[in-house]
Amino acid sequence: MQGEQWIVTDKKTLEHFITHAVGLLQENGSVTFKWSVGDQRTTRQNNAMWLWLDQLSEALNDAGYDMKRTLKPHIDIPWNKERAKEHLWDPIQEIMTKKDSSKRISKQEVNEIQEVVARYLAQNTGVSVPFPKRPE
């Protein structure tokens, strides 16, 4: 067990989870379970993604590439991480993965999407921001 989540990868961990769930039900009278399947992005990847979008937004703004210059030709709109996610990350994610939420993408998909966004921006704006890595 890891905190309030279980990672079940085989029959033995499934049996331990079921035993734990039965105990929770007996102690509390009701239990709500939420699960995810597959190799979804980690909390660390999620944090790195949002940090990168924030750093990318700042770099685009500093380089004079507001949203107007990058996407919309008539309105000056500065970047922020939410706009970067909505206008840069999400459209590419949906095309590449057919998934409408970054909560559903895998670890590998995070890397693939980031590489496509970064390559596009480097080629079209000259702005390049490395994806955050865990300190060594």
Protein backbone atom coordinates (compact mmCIF):
# COMPACT_ATOMS: atom_id res chain seq x y z
CA MET A 1 0.00 0.00 0.00
CA GLN A 2 1.16 3.54 -0.76
CA GLY A 3 -0.75 6.09 1.31
CA GLU A 4 -4.40 5.78 0.36
CA GLN A 5 -3.78 4.10 -2.95
CA TRP A 6 -2.98 0.55 -3.96
CA ILE A 7 -1.14 -0.51 -7.04
CA VAL A 8 -2.37 -3.95 -8.05
CA THR A 9 -0.11 -5.73 -10.52
CA ASP A 10 -0.72 -9.39 -9.70
CA LYS A 11 -3.08 -11.78 -7.95
CA LYS A 12 -1.25 -11.51 -4.61
CA THR A 13 -1.51 -7.70 -4.38
CA LEU A 14 -5.15 -7.96 -5.50
CA GLU A 15 -5.87 -10.36 -2.62
CA HIS A 16 -4.18 -7.97 -0.14
CA PHE A 17 -6.23 -5.08 -1.48
CA ILE A 18 -9.48 -7.04 -1.17
CA THR A 19 -8.63 -7.97 2.43
CA HIS A 20 -7.89 -4.33 3.20
CA ALA A 21 -11.11 -3.17 1.49
CA VAL A 22 -13.21 -5.64 3.49
CA GLY A 23 -11.59 -4.36 6.69
CA LEU A 24 -12.33 -0.74 5.75
CA LEU A 25 -15.95 -1.61 5.03
CA GLN A 26 -16.35 -3.40 8.36
CA GLU A 27 -14.76 -0.50 10.27
CA ASN A 28 -16.56 2.35 8.50
CA GLY A 29 -19.80 1.02 7.08
CA SER A 30 -19.06 2.32 3.58
CA VAL A 31 -16.05 2.86 1.35
CA THR A 32 -15.63 4.71 -1.95
CA PHE A 33 -13.05 3.43 -4.39
CA LYS A 34 -11.57 5.28 -7.33
CA TRP A 35 -9.22 3.57 -9.76
CA SER A 36 -7.20 4.12 -12.85
CA VAL A 37 -5.81 1.61 -15.28
CA GLY A 38 -2.65 1.41 -17.30
CA ASP A 39 0.58 3.26 -16.98
CA GLN A 40 -0.81 6.73 -16.29
CA ARG A 41 1.30 9.79 -15.74
CA THR A 42 2.76 10.18 -12.29
CA THR A 43 2.22 13.07 -9.90
CA ARG A 44 5.84 14.03 -10.54
CA GLN A 45 5.20 14.08 -14.30
CA ASN A 46 2.05 16.14 -13.77
CA ASN A 47 4.01 18.66 -11.70
CA ALA A 48 6.80 18.74 -14.28
CA MET A 49 4.27 19.26 -17.09
CA TRP A 50 2.69 22.26 -15.34
CA LEU A 51 6.09 23.69 -14.39
CA TRP A 52 7.25 23.35 -18.01
CA LEU A 53 4.09 25.04 -19.31
CA ASP A 54 4.67 27.89 -16.85
CA GLN A 55 8.33 28.26 -17.88
CA LEU A 56 7.40 27.96 -21.56
CA SER A 57 4.76 30.68 -21.19
CA GLU A 58 7.27 33.02 -19.58
CA ALA A 59 9.86 32.31 -22.29
CA LEU A 60 7.33 32.91 -25.08
CA ASN A 61 6.21 36.18 -23.49
CA ASP A 62 9.83 37.30 -22.93
CA ALA A 63 10.67 36.54 -26.57
CA GLY A 64 7.74 38.67 -27.75
CA TYR A 65 5.60 35.73 -28.82
CA ASP A 66 2.28 36.55 -27.25
CA MET A 67 -0.68 34.37 -28.21
CA LYS A 68 -1.59 36.79 -31.00
CA ARG A 69 1.76 36.39 -32.68
CA THR A 70 1.80 32.62 -32.11
CA LEU A 71 -1.86 31.72 -32.69
CA LYS A 72 -4.27 34.64 -33.19
CA PRO A 73 -3.24 37.54 -35.45
CA HIS A 74 -5.57 40.25 -34.10
CA ILE A 75 -5.40 40.29 -30.30
CA ASP A 76 -2.50 40.74 -27.84
CA ILE A 77 -2.90 37.97 -25.27
CA PRO A 78 -0.01 37.07 -22.93
CA TRP A 79 0.72 33.40 -22.26
CA ASN A 80 0.22 31.68 -18.93
CA LYS A 81 0.38 27.99 -18.09
CA GLU A 82 -3.38 27.46 -18.37
CA ARG A 83 -3.47 29.06 -21.85
CA ALA A 84 -0.37 27.08 -22.88
CA LYS A 85 -2.12 23.88 -21.80
CA GLU A 86 -5.39 24.77 -23.54
CA HIS A 87 -3.93 26.10 -26.81
CA LEU A 88 -0.67 24.18 -27.20
CA TRP A 89 -0.72 20.97 -25.14
CA ASP A 90 -4.38 19.90 -25.33
CA PRO A 91 -4.87 20.06 -29.14
CA ILE A 92 -1.72 18.02 -29.74
CA GLN A 93 -2.63 15.58 -26.96
CA GLU A 94 -6.07 14.99 -28.47
CA ILE A 95 -4.64 14.43 -31.95
CA MET A 96 -1.88 12.11 -30.75
CA THR A 97 -3.77 10.11 -28.11
CA LYS A 98 -7.50 10.61 -28.77
CA LYS A 99 -7.74 11.42 -25.03
CA ASP A 100 -9.45 14.61 -23.89
CA SER A 101 -7.87 14.79 -20.44
CA SER A 102 -4.22 14.80 -19.44
CA LYS A 103 -5.29 12.75 -16.42
CA ARG A 104 -5.75 9.83 -18.81
CA ILE A 105 -2.41 9.95 -20.63
CA SER A 106 0.44 7.54 -19.96
CA LYS A 107 3.97 8.38 -18.88
CA GLN A 108 5.22 7.78 -22.41
CA GLU A 109 2.49 9.99 -23.91
CA VAL A 110 3.55 12.89 -21.65
CA ASN A 111 7.03 12.68 -23.14
CA GLU A 112 5.79 12.34 -26.72
CA ILE A 113 3.39 15.29 -26.48
CA GLN A 114 6.00 17.52 -24.84
CA GLU A 115 8.50 16.71 -27.58
CA VAL A 116 6.02 17.67 -30.31
CA VAL A 117 5.06 20.96 -28.62
CA ALA A 118 8.70 21.81 -27.92
CA ARG A 119 9.81 20.99 -31.47
CA TYR A 120 7.02 23.08 -33.01
CA LEU A 121 7.80 26.09 -30.84
CA ALA A 122 11.56 25.82 -31.33
CA GLN A 123 11.12 25.68 -35.12
CA ASN A 124 8.51 28.44 -35.34
CA THR A 125 9.54 30.84 -32.57
CA GLY A 126 13.08 29.89 -31.59
CA VAL A 127 11.84 29.47 -28.00
CA SER A 128 13.14 26.32 -26.34
CA VAL A 129 12.52 25.35 -22.73
CA PRO A 130 13.85 22.02 -21.41
CA PHE A 131 11.35 19.73 -19.69
CA PRO A 132 11.97 19.74 -15.91
CA LYS A 133 13.89 16.76 -14.59
CA ARG A 134 14.21 15.45 -11.09
CA PRO A 135 17.32 16.85 -9.34
CA GLU A 136 20.10 14.29 -9.23
